[in-house]
N, C-alpha and C. Protein backbone atom coordinates (compact mmCIF):
# COMPACT_ATOMS: atom_id res chain seq x y z
N MET A 1 -57.75 19.42 0.07
CA MET A 1 -57.08 19.23 0.51
C MET A 1 -56.06 17.70 0.66
N PRO A 2 -55.09 17.71 1.51
CA PRO A 2 -53.63 16.61 0.71
C PRO A 2 -55.05 15.35 0.76
N ASP A 3 -54.06 14.20 -0.18
CA ASP A 3 -54.95 13.19 -0.24
C ASP A 3 -53.77 12.31 1.23
N ARG A 4 -54.30 11.55 1.76
CA ARG A 4 -54.13 12.10 3.51
C ARG A 4 -53.68 9.75 3.11
N ARG A 5 -54.33 9.25 1.70
CA ARG A 5 -53.31 7.59 1.78
C ARG A 5 -51.81 7.74 2.20
N PRO A 6 -51.48 6.30 1.71
CA PRO A 6 -50.30 6.55 2.88
C PRO A 6 -49.57 6.04 1.36
N SER A 7 -48.40 6.50 1.19
CA SER A 7 -47.18 5.80 -0.52
C SER A 7 -47.51 4.62 -0.28
N ARG A 8 -46.75 4.40 -2.11
CA ARG A 8 -46.77 3.23 -1.96
C ARG A 8 -45.52 2.87 -1.61
N ALA A 9 -44.27 3.63 -0.85
CA ALA A 9 -43.42 3.22 0.03
C ALA A 9 -43.49 2.25 1.10
N SER A 10 -44.88 3.26 2.02
CA SER A 10 -45.25 2.15 3.13
C SER A 10 -45.78 1.66 2.95
N ALA A 11 -46.60 1.97 1.68
CA ALA A 11 -48.05 0.30 1.28
C ALA A 11 -46.65 -1.04 0.92
N ALA A 12 -46.18 -0.94 0.83
CA ALA A 12 -44.60 -1.88 0.41
C ALA A 12 -43.76 -1.99 1.55
N ARG A 13 -43.88 -1.44 2.25
CA ARG A 13 -43.53 -1.61 3.76
C ARG A 13 -43.74 -2.56 4.95
N ALA A 14 -45.80 -2.42 4.49
CA ALA A 14 -46.82 -2.25 5.75
C ALA A 14 -46.43 -4.31 5.48
N ALA A 15 -46.61 -4.92 3.87
CA ALA A 15 -46.68 -5.67 3.12
C ALA A 15 -45.84 -6.41 3.41
N THR A 16 -44.14 -6.40 3.81
CA THR A 16 -43.74 -7.27 4.04
C THR A 16 -42.78 -7.56 5.76
N ALA A 17 -44.02 -6.52 6.74
CA ALA A 17 -43.90 -6.84 7.66
C ALA A 17 -44.13 -8.76 8.15
N PRO A 18 -43.78 -9.28 9.00
CA PRO A 18 -44.81 -10.21 9.21
C PRO A 18 -45.67 -9.90 10.29
N PRO A 19 -47.13 -11.25 9.28
CA PRO A 19 -47.94 -10.32 10.86
C PRO A 19 -47.67 -11.12 12.60
N PRO A 20 -47.98 -10.75 13.14
CA PRO A 20 -48.26 -10.03 14.75
C PRO A 20 -48.45 -12.13 15.11
N GLY A 21 -46.26 -12.34 15.63
CA GLY A 21 -46.93 -13.63 15.94
C GLY A 21 -45.49 -14.37 14.87
N HIS A 22 -45.29 -13.74 14.54
CA HIS A 22 -44.59 -14.06 13.59
C HIS A 22 -43.47 -13.53 13.08
N GLU A 23 -41.88 -14.38 14.27
CA GLU A 23 -40.71 -13.02 13.80
C GLU A 23 -40.43 -12.60 12.65
N PRO A 24 -40.48 -11.33 12.71
CA PRO A 24 -39.06 -11.12 11.82
C PRO A 24 -37.86 -11.55 11.64
N ARG A 25 -37.47 -12.15 10.20
CA ARG A 25 -36.15 -12.80 10.75
C ARG A 25 -34.85 -12.68 9.36
N SER A 26 -33.88 -13.21 10.02
CA SER A 26 -32.65 -12.00 8.66
C SER A 26 -32.77 -13.72 8.25
N CYS A 27 -31.91 -13.56 6.62
CA CYS A 27 -30.91 -14.47 6.30
C CYS A 27 -29.89 -15.19 6.37
N VAL A 28 -29.29 -15.93 6.28
CA VAL A 28 -28.81 -16.74 6.92
C VAL A 28 -27.13 -17.51 6.43
N VAL A 29 -27.61 -16.59 4.80
CA VAL A 29 -25.86 -16.22 4.13
C VAL A 29 -26.33 -14.65 3.82
N CYS A 30 -27.00 -13.49 3.84
CA CYS A 30 -26.55 -12.13 3.64
C CYS A 30 -26.95 -11.40 4.69
N GLY A 31 -27.19 -11.77 6.00
CA GLY A 31 -27.56 -11.45 7.07
C GLY A 31 -28.76 -10.43 6.86
N ARG A 32 -29.49 -10.28 5.18
CA ARG A 32 -30.18 -9.25 5.41
C ARG A 32 -32.16 -9.42 6.35
N THR A 33 -32.66 -8.83 6.59
CA THR A 33 -33.77 -9.07 7.04
C THR A 33 -35.16 -10.33 5.47
N ILE A 34 -35.41 -10.24 5.69
CA ILE A 34 -35.91 -11.39 5.18
C ILE A 34 -38.32 -10.70 4.66
N GLY A 35 -38.12 -9.74 3.37
CA GLY A 35 -39.84 -10.18 4.12
C GLY A 35 -40.23 -11.38 4.11
N TRP A 36 -41.82 -10.40 4.68
CA TRP A 36 -42.65 -11.31 5.00
C TRP A 36 -43.53 -11.37 3.12
N ARG A 37 -44.23 -13.04 3.14
CA ARG A 37 -44.97 -13.27 1.58
C ARG A 37 -45.87 -14.32 2.70
N ALA A 38 -47.17 -14.01 1.58
CA ALA A 38 -47.30 -14.80 2.45
C ALA A 38 -48.31 -16.40 2.27
N LYS A 39 -47.45 -16.22 1.30
CA LYS A 39 -46.79 -17.66 0.61
C LYS A 39 -46.29 -18.61 1.88
N TRP A 40 -45.86 -17.98 2.63
CA TRP A 40 -44.78 -18.30 3.68
C TRP A 40 -45.64 -19.21 5.28
N ALA A 41 -47.03 -18.42 4.50
CA ALA A 41 -47.47 -18.16 5.78
C ALA A 41 -47.10 -19.34 6.87
N ARG A 42 -47.55 -20.83 5.86
CA ARG A 42 -47.68 -21.76 7.23
C ARG A 42 -46.16 -22.92 7.22
N SER A 43 -45.28 -21.67 5.76
CA SER A 43 -43.72 -22.85 6.82
C SER A 43 -42.74 -21.58 7.55
N TRP A 44 -42.85 -20.11 7.79
CA TRP A 44 -42.02 -18.98 7.75
C TRP A 44 -41.62 -19.57 9.27
N ASP A 45 -41.66 -20.75 10.21
CA ASP A 45 -40.70 -21.54 10.96
C ASP A 45 -39.48 -21.72 10.21
N GLN A 46 -39.65 -22.31 8.15
CA GLN A 46 -38.75 -22.63 7.75
C GLN A 46 -37.81 -21.80 6.93
N VAL A 47 -38.16 -20.70 6.84
CA VAL A 47 -37.63 -19.56 5.57
C VAL A 47 -35.62 -19.73 6.17
N ARG A 48 -35.23 -19.77 5.17
CA ARG A 48 -34.05 -19.17 5.41
C ARG A 48 -33.26 -18.51 4.93
N TYR A 49 -33.69 -18.59 3.82
CA TYR A 49 -33.08 -17.77 3.15
C TYR A 49 -33.50 -16.42 1.98
N CYS A 50 -33.03 -15.16 1.99
CA CYS A 50 -33.90 -14.23 1.90
C CYS A 50 -34.61 -14.65 -0.34
N SER A 51 -33.52 -14.97 -0.74
CA SER A 51 -33.65 -14.97 -2.65
C SER A 51 -32.82 -16.36 -2.67
N ASP A 52 -33.34 -16.85 -4.27
CA ASP A 52 -33.43 -17.70 -4.79
C ASP A 52 -30.88 -18.44 -4.96
N GLY A 53 -30.63 -16.60 -4.95
CA GLY A 53 -29.00 -16.40 -5.01
C GLY A 53 -28.40 -16.47 -3.98
N CYS A 54 -29.04 -16.68 -2.62
CA CYS A 54 -28.46 -16.97 -1.28
C CYS A 54 -28.66 -18.57 -1.37
N ARG A 55 -29.83 -19.16 -1.48
CA ARG A 55 -29.64 -20.08 -1.52
C ARG A 55 -29.37 -21.22 -2.31
N GLY A 56 -29.00 -20.88 -3.07
CA GLY A 56 -27.37 -20.99 -4.24
C GLY A 56 -26.21 -21.09 -3.60
N ARG A 57 -25.45 -20.08 -2.95
CA ARG A 57 -24.45 -19.77 -2.25
C ARG A 57 -23.99 -20.41 -1.53
N GLY A 58 -24.48 -20.22 -0.12
CA GLY A 58 -24.64 -20.78 0.64
C GLY A 58 -23.87 -20.79 1.61
N LEU A 59 -23.84 -21.07 2.70
CA LEU A 59 -22.56 -20.76 3.27
C LEU A 59 -21.66 -21.22 3.55
N GLN A 60 -20.22 -19.92 3.12
CA GLN A 60 -18.75 -20.84 2.51
C GLN A 60 -17.70 -21.02 3.45
N PRO A 61 -16.81 -21.88 3.59
CA PRO A 61 -16.54 -21.66 4.66
C PRO A 61 -15.21 -20.19 4.50
N VAL A 62 -14.77 -19.38 3.84
CA VAL A 62 -14.80 -17.96 3.20
C VAL A 62 -15.53 -16.93 4.75
N ASP A 63 -17.31 -17.03 4.35
CA ASP A 63 -18.13 -16.84 5.21
C ASP A 63 -17.53 -16.34 6.55
N THR A 64 -17.22 -17.73 6.95
CA THR A 64 -16.84 -18.28 8.39
C THR A 64 -15.49 -17.16 9.15
N ALA A 65 -15.21 -17.22 8.47
CA ALA A 65 -13.05 -17.24 8.42
C ALA A 65 -13.87 -15.78 8.08
N LEU A 66 -14.43 -14.76 7.89
CA LEU A 66 -15.00 -12.79 7.81
C LEU A 66 -15.84 -12.94 9.16
N GLU A 67 -16.37 -13.39 9.72
CA GLU A 67 -17.27 -13.13 10.31
C GLU A 67 -16.18 -13.63 12.03
N GLU A 68 -15.63 -14.72 11.63
CA GLU A 68 -14.25 -14.75 12.45
C GLU A 68 -12.82 -13.12 12.55
N SER A 69 -13.06 -12.96 11.42
CA SER A 69 -11.24 -11.70 11.27
C SER A 69 -12.71 -10.75 11.89
N LEU A 70 -13.11 -10.58 11.04
CA LEU A 70 -14.80 -8.87 12.40
C LEU A 70 -14.34 -9.12 13.82
N LEU A 71 -14.90 -10.07 14.45
CA LEU A 71 -14.39 -10.89 15.82
C LEU A 71 -13.37 -10.32 16.37
N ASP A 72 -12.54 -10.68 15.14
CA ASP A 72 -10.60 -10.57 16.50
C ASP A 72 -10.53 -9.62 16.15
N LEU A 73 -10.86 -8.66 15.22
CA LEU A 73 -10.34 -6.89 14.94
C LEU A 73 -10.64 -6.35 15.79
N LEU A 74 -12.44 -6.45 15.75
CA LEU A 74 -13.26 -5.90 17.03
C LEU A 74 -12.84 -5.99 18.58
N GLY A 75 -12.66 -7.25 18.52
CA GLY A 75 -11.45 -8.17 20.40
C GLY A 75 -10.46 -7.36 20.39
N ARG A 76 -9.16 -7.09 19.21
CA ARG A 76 -7.57 -6.23 19.85
C ARG A 76 -8.13 -5.10 20.18
N ARG A 77 -9.43 -4.34 19.62
CA ARG A 77 -9.31 -2.71 19.67
C ARG A 77 -10.03 -1.60 21.21
N ALA A 78 -10.34 -0.67 21.00
CA ALA A 78 -10.54 -0.43 22.15
C ALA A 78 -12.28 -0.79 22.36
N ALA A 79 -13.34 -0.81 23.53
CA ALA A 79 -14.21 -1.09 23.27
C ALA A 79 -15.62 -0.02 22.88
N THR A 80 -15.10 1.21 22.32
CA THR A 80 -15.67 1.97 21.38
C THR A 80 -14.92 2.03 19.72
N ALA A 81 -14.22 1.45 19.71
CA ALA A 81 -13.96 1.66 18.49
C ALA A 81 -14.83 0.44 17.77
N THR A 82 -13.97 0.97 16.09
CA THR A 82 -15.37 0.62 15.07
C THR A 82 -13.70 -0.20 14.10
N VAL A 83 -14.59 -1.24 13.20
CA VAL A 83 -13.33 -1.04 12.36
C VAL A 83 -14.25 -1.39 10.54
N CYS A 84 -13.65 -0.86 10.23
CA CYS A 84 -13.96 -1.42 8.73
C CYS A 84 -13.99 -3.27 7.46
N PRO A 85 -15.31 -2.88 7.02
CA PRO A 85 -15.32 -4.80 6.16
C PRO A 85 -13.92 -5.10 5.66
N SER A 86 -13.20 -4.08 5.13
CA SER A 86 -12.26 -3.98 4.15
C SER A 86 -10.91 -4.61 4.87
N GLU A 87 -10.59 -4.43 6.15
CA GLU A 87 -9.94 -4.96 7.11
C GLU A 87 -10.31 -6.72 7.35
N ALA A 88 -11.53 -7.52 7.25
CA ALA A 88 -11.46 -7.89 7.98
C ALA A 88 -10.61 -9.13 5.83
N ALA A 89 -11.22 -8.42 4.80
CA ALA A 89 -11.24 -8.96 3.34
C ALA A 89 -9.84 -8.99 3.54
N ARG A 90 -9.02 -7.89 4.02
CA ARG A 90 -7.73 -8.00 3.57
C ARG A 90 -6.79 -9.23 4.67
N ALA A 91 -7.63 -9.64 5.56
CA ALA A 91 -6.91 -10.51 6.60
C ALA A 91 -7.02 -11.74 6.09
N VAL A 92 -8.30 -11.76 5.12
CA VAL A 92 -8.39 -13.13 5.33
C VAL A 92 -8.22 -13.93 3.66
N GLY A 93 -8.23 -12.38 2.49
CA GLY A 93 -7.53 -12.59 1.55
C GLY A 93 -6.42 -12.63 0.86
N GLY A 94 -5.96 -11.53 2.05
CA GLY A 94 -4.36 -11.78 1.69
C GLY A 94 -3.89 -9.80 0.86
N ALA A 95 -2.95 -9.44 1.28
CA ALA A 95 -2.33 -8.12 0.67
C ALA A 95 -2.74 -8.11 -0.77
N ASP A 96 -2.26 -8.97 -1.50
CA ASP A 96 -2.88 -8.48 -2.93
C ASP A 96 -4.61 -7.80 -3.22
N GLU A 97 -4.26 -7.14 -3.66
CA GLU A 97 -5.97 -6.29 -3.85
C GLU A 97 -6.30 -7.07 -4.40
N ALA A 98 -5.65 -8.04 -4.84
CA ALA A 98 -6.58 -8.56 -6.58
C ALA A 98 -7.56 -9.84 -5.84
N ALA A 99 -6.64 -9.90 -4.74
CA ALA A 99 -7.50 -10.74 -3.60
C ALA A 99 -8.56 -10.48 -2.34
N TRP A 100 -8.31 -9.32 -2.22
CA TRP A 100 -9.49 -9.84 -1.12
C TRP A 100 -10.34 -8.51 -1.39
N ARG A 101 -10.19 -7.82 -3.37
CA ARG A 101 -11.77 -6.81 -3.52
C ARG A 101 -12.69 -8.23 -3.25
N PRO A 102 -12.28 -9.44 -4.40
CA PRO A 102 -13.43 -9.62 -4.46
C PRO A 102 -13.82 -10.09 -3.26
N LEU A 103 -13.04 -10.17 -1.76
CA LEU A 103 -14.20 -10.55 -0.89
C LEU A 103 -14.55 -9.34 0.28
N MET A 104 -15.55 -8.05 -0.33
CA MET A 104 -15.84 -6.86 0.21
C MET A 104 -17.30 -7.73 0.44
N GLU A 105 -17.74 -7.41 -0.84
CA GLU A 105 -19.78 -8.15 -0.41
C GLU A 105 -19.92 -9.25 0.47
N PRO A 106 -19.07 -10.31 0.48
CA PRO A 106 -19.11 -11.24 1.96
C PRO A 106 -18.40 -10.77 2.96
N ALA A 107 -17.66 -9.86 2.61
CA ALA A 107 -17.53 -8.90 4.27
C ALA A 107 -18.47 -8.16 4.38
N ARG A 108 -19.05 -8.16 3.86
CA ARG A 108 -19.75 -6.52 5.26
C ARG A 108 -21.49 -7.96 4.38
N MET A 109 -21.53 -8.91 4.39
CA MET A 109 -22.44 -9.81 4.65
C MET A 109 -21.88 -10.83 5.82
N ALA A 110 -21.54 -10.78 6.03
CA ALA A 110 -20.91 -11.59 7.44
C ALA A 110 -20.57 -10.71 8.77
N ALA A 111 -20.33 -9.25 8.94
CA ALA A 111 -20.88 -7.98 9.52
C ALA A 111 -22.85 -8.19 9.78
N ARG A 112 -23.47 -8.69 8.87
CA ARG A 112 -24.52 -8.19 8.64
C ARG A 112 -25.46 -9.56 9.54
N ARG A 113 -24.43 -10.43 9.54
CA ARG A 113 -24.62 -12.17 10.00
C ARG A 113 -24.45 -11.71 11.31
N LEU A 114 -23.37 -11.15 12.33
CA LEU A 114 -23.42 -10.57 13.43
C LEU A 114 -24.35 -9.45 14.15
N VAL A 115 -24.64 -8.75 13.23
CA VAL A 115 -25.70 -7.83 13.87
C VAL A 115 -26.91 -8.76 13.66
N ALA A 116 -27.89 -9.99 13.03
CA ALA A 116 -28.71 -10.25 13.56
C ALA A 116 -28.34 -11.03 14.16
N ARG A 117 -26.59 -11.39 15.54
CA ARG A 117 -26.51 -12.62 15.92
C ARG A 117 -27.06 -11.30 17.32
N GLY A 118 -27.00 -10.14 17.42
CA GLY A 118 -26.35 -9.27 17.99
C GLY A 118 -25.00 -9.57 18.20
N GLU A 119 -23.82 -9.30 17.63
CA GLU A 119 -23.14 -9.15 18.36
C GLU A 119 -21.99 -8.28 17.73
N ALA A 120 -23.06 -7.37 17.28
CA ALA A 120 -22.37 -5.80 16.48
C ALA A 120 -23.23 -5.37 15.62
N GLU A 121 -22.40 -3.66 15.30
CA GLU A 121 -23.50 -2.88 14.97
C GLU A 121 -23.11 -1.94 13.76
N ILE A 122 -23.91 -2.05 12.86
CA ILE A 122 -23.10 -1.65 11.29
C ILE A 122 -23.13 -0.35 11.47
N THR A 123 -22.24 0.71 11.72
CA THR A 123 -22.50 2.40 11.61
C THR A 123 -22.24 2.97 10.38
N GLN A 124 -22.90 4.01 9.86
CA GLN A 124 -21.73 5.08 8.89
C GLN A 124 -22.03 6.30 9.48
N GLY A 125 -21.80 7.28 9.90
CA GLY A 125 -20.87 8.83 9.85
C GLY A 125 -21.02 8.63 11.46
N GLY A 126 -20.67 7.89 12.41
CA GLY A 126 -21.13 7.09 13.44
C GLY A 126 -22.38 6.70 14.53
N GLN A 127 -23.82 7.11 13.24
CA GLN A 127 -24.85 6.56 13.37
C GLN A 127 -24.52 5.56 13.18
N VAL A 128 -26.01 4.09 14.01
CA VAL A 128 -26.25 2.67 13.39
C VAL A 128 -27.43 3.21 12.94
N VAL A 129 -27.12 2.05 11.60
CA VAL A 129 -28.20 2.23 10.53
C VAL A 129 -28.45 0.38 10.77
N ASP A 130 -29.56 0.78 9.42
CA ASP A 130 -29.53 -0.60 9.45
C ASP A 130 -29.52 -1.41 7.87
N PRO A 131 -28.61 -2.49 8.55
CA PRO A 131 -27.36 -3.04 7.56
C PRO A 131 -28.48 -3.35 6.57
N SER A 132 -29.41 -4.14 6.66
CA SER A 132 -30.54 -4.93 5.72
C SER A 132 -29.94 -3.27 3.92
N THR A 133 -30.58 -1.82 4.54
CA THR A 133 -30.62 -1.68 3.40
C THR A 133 -29.70 -0.25 3.39
N ALA A 134 -28.29 -0.59 4.52
CA ALA A 134 -27.60 0.82 4.13
C ALA A 134 -26.39 0.20 3.30
N LYS A 135 -25.98 2.43 2.55
CA LYS A 135 -25.38 2.05 0.93
C LYS A 135 -24.38 3.31 1.13
N GLY A 136 -23.45 2.05 0.09
CA GLY A 136 -21.33 3.61 0.91
C GLY A 136 -21.28 2.64 1.96
N PRO A 137 -20.05 3.42 2.50
CA PRO A 137 -19.35 2.87 3.43
C PRO A 137 -19.95 2.56 4.51
N VAL A 138 -19.77 1.68 4.73
CA VAL A 138 -20.18 1.02 6.43
C VAL A 138 -19.04 1.20 7.46
N ARG A 139 -18.85 0.78 8.88
CA ARG A 139 -18.59 0.56 9.98
C ARG A 139 -18.92 -0.56 10.57
N VAL A 140 -18.30 -1.11 11.50
CA VAL A 140 -18.73 -1.93 12.16
C VAL A 140 -18.06 -2.44 13.53
N ARG A 141 -18.70 -1.80 14.25
CA ARG A 141 -18.60 -2.07 16.19
C ARG A 141 -18.94 -2.87 17.34
N ARG A 142 -18.37 -3.36 17.80
CA ARG A 142 -19.20 -4.28 18.79
C ARG A 142 -20.83 -3.38 19.34
N ALA A 143 -21.32 -4.40 19.45
CA ALA A 143 -23.69 -4.06 20.46
C ALA A 143 -22.77 -3.61 21.28
N ARG A 144 -23.63 -2.44 22.09
CA ARG A 144 -23.53 -2.07 22.65
C ARG A 144 -25.34 -2.28 23.43
């Protein structure tokens, strides 16, 4: 008879879901979903960052510029159109690849923050995906 115990992966996901009464939240810097930790039970309302790296980096002016660029690019296109985060990176960093290439991960972070606020969706192959776990090329579209 097959073993009916939950897999380690499903057990890990269950452990990171906030208990009832505690809404899931997104990191204010990278936009990823913050996993629940029991040590945050009393201070869950004050948790803003997913990691020490995000806490140390904080939001910078370039992050706001990338969000605005994504929204501007989406605003200039058809309602069903998508944009690549690299388009926002090029708009903010300039045409020189050495200037915009380092902005790629911040552009993806900006897209995730827009998703967390309900202003956009991230897609892969035309399907909406979880921005916290998406790997590879993504597109950004207006929220539907």
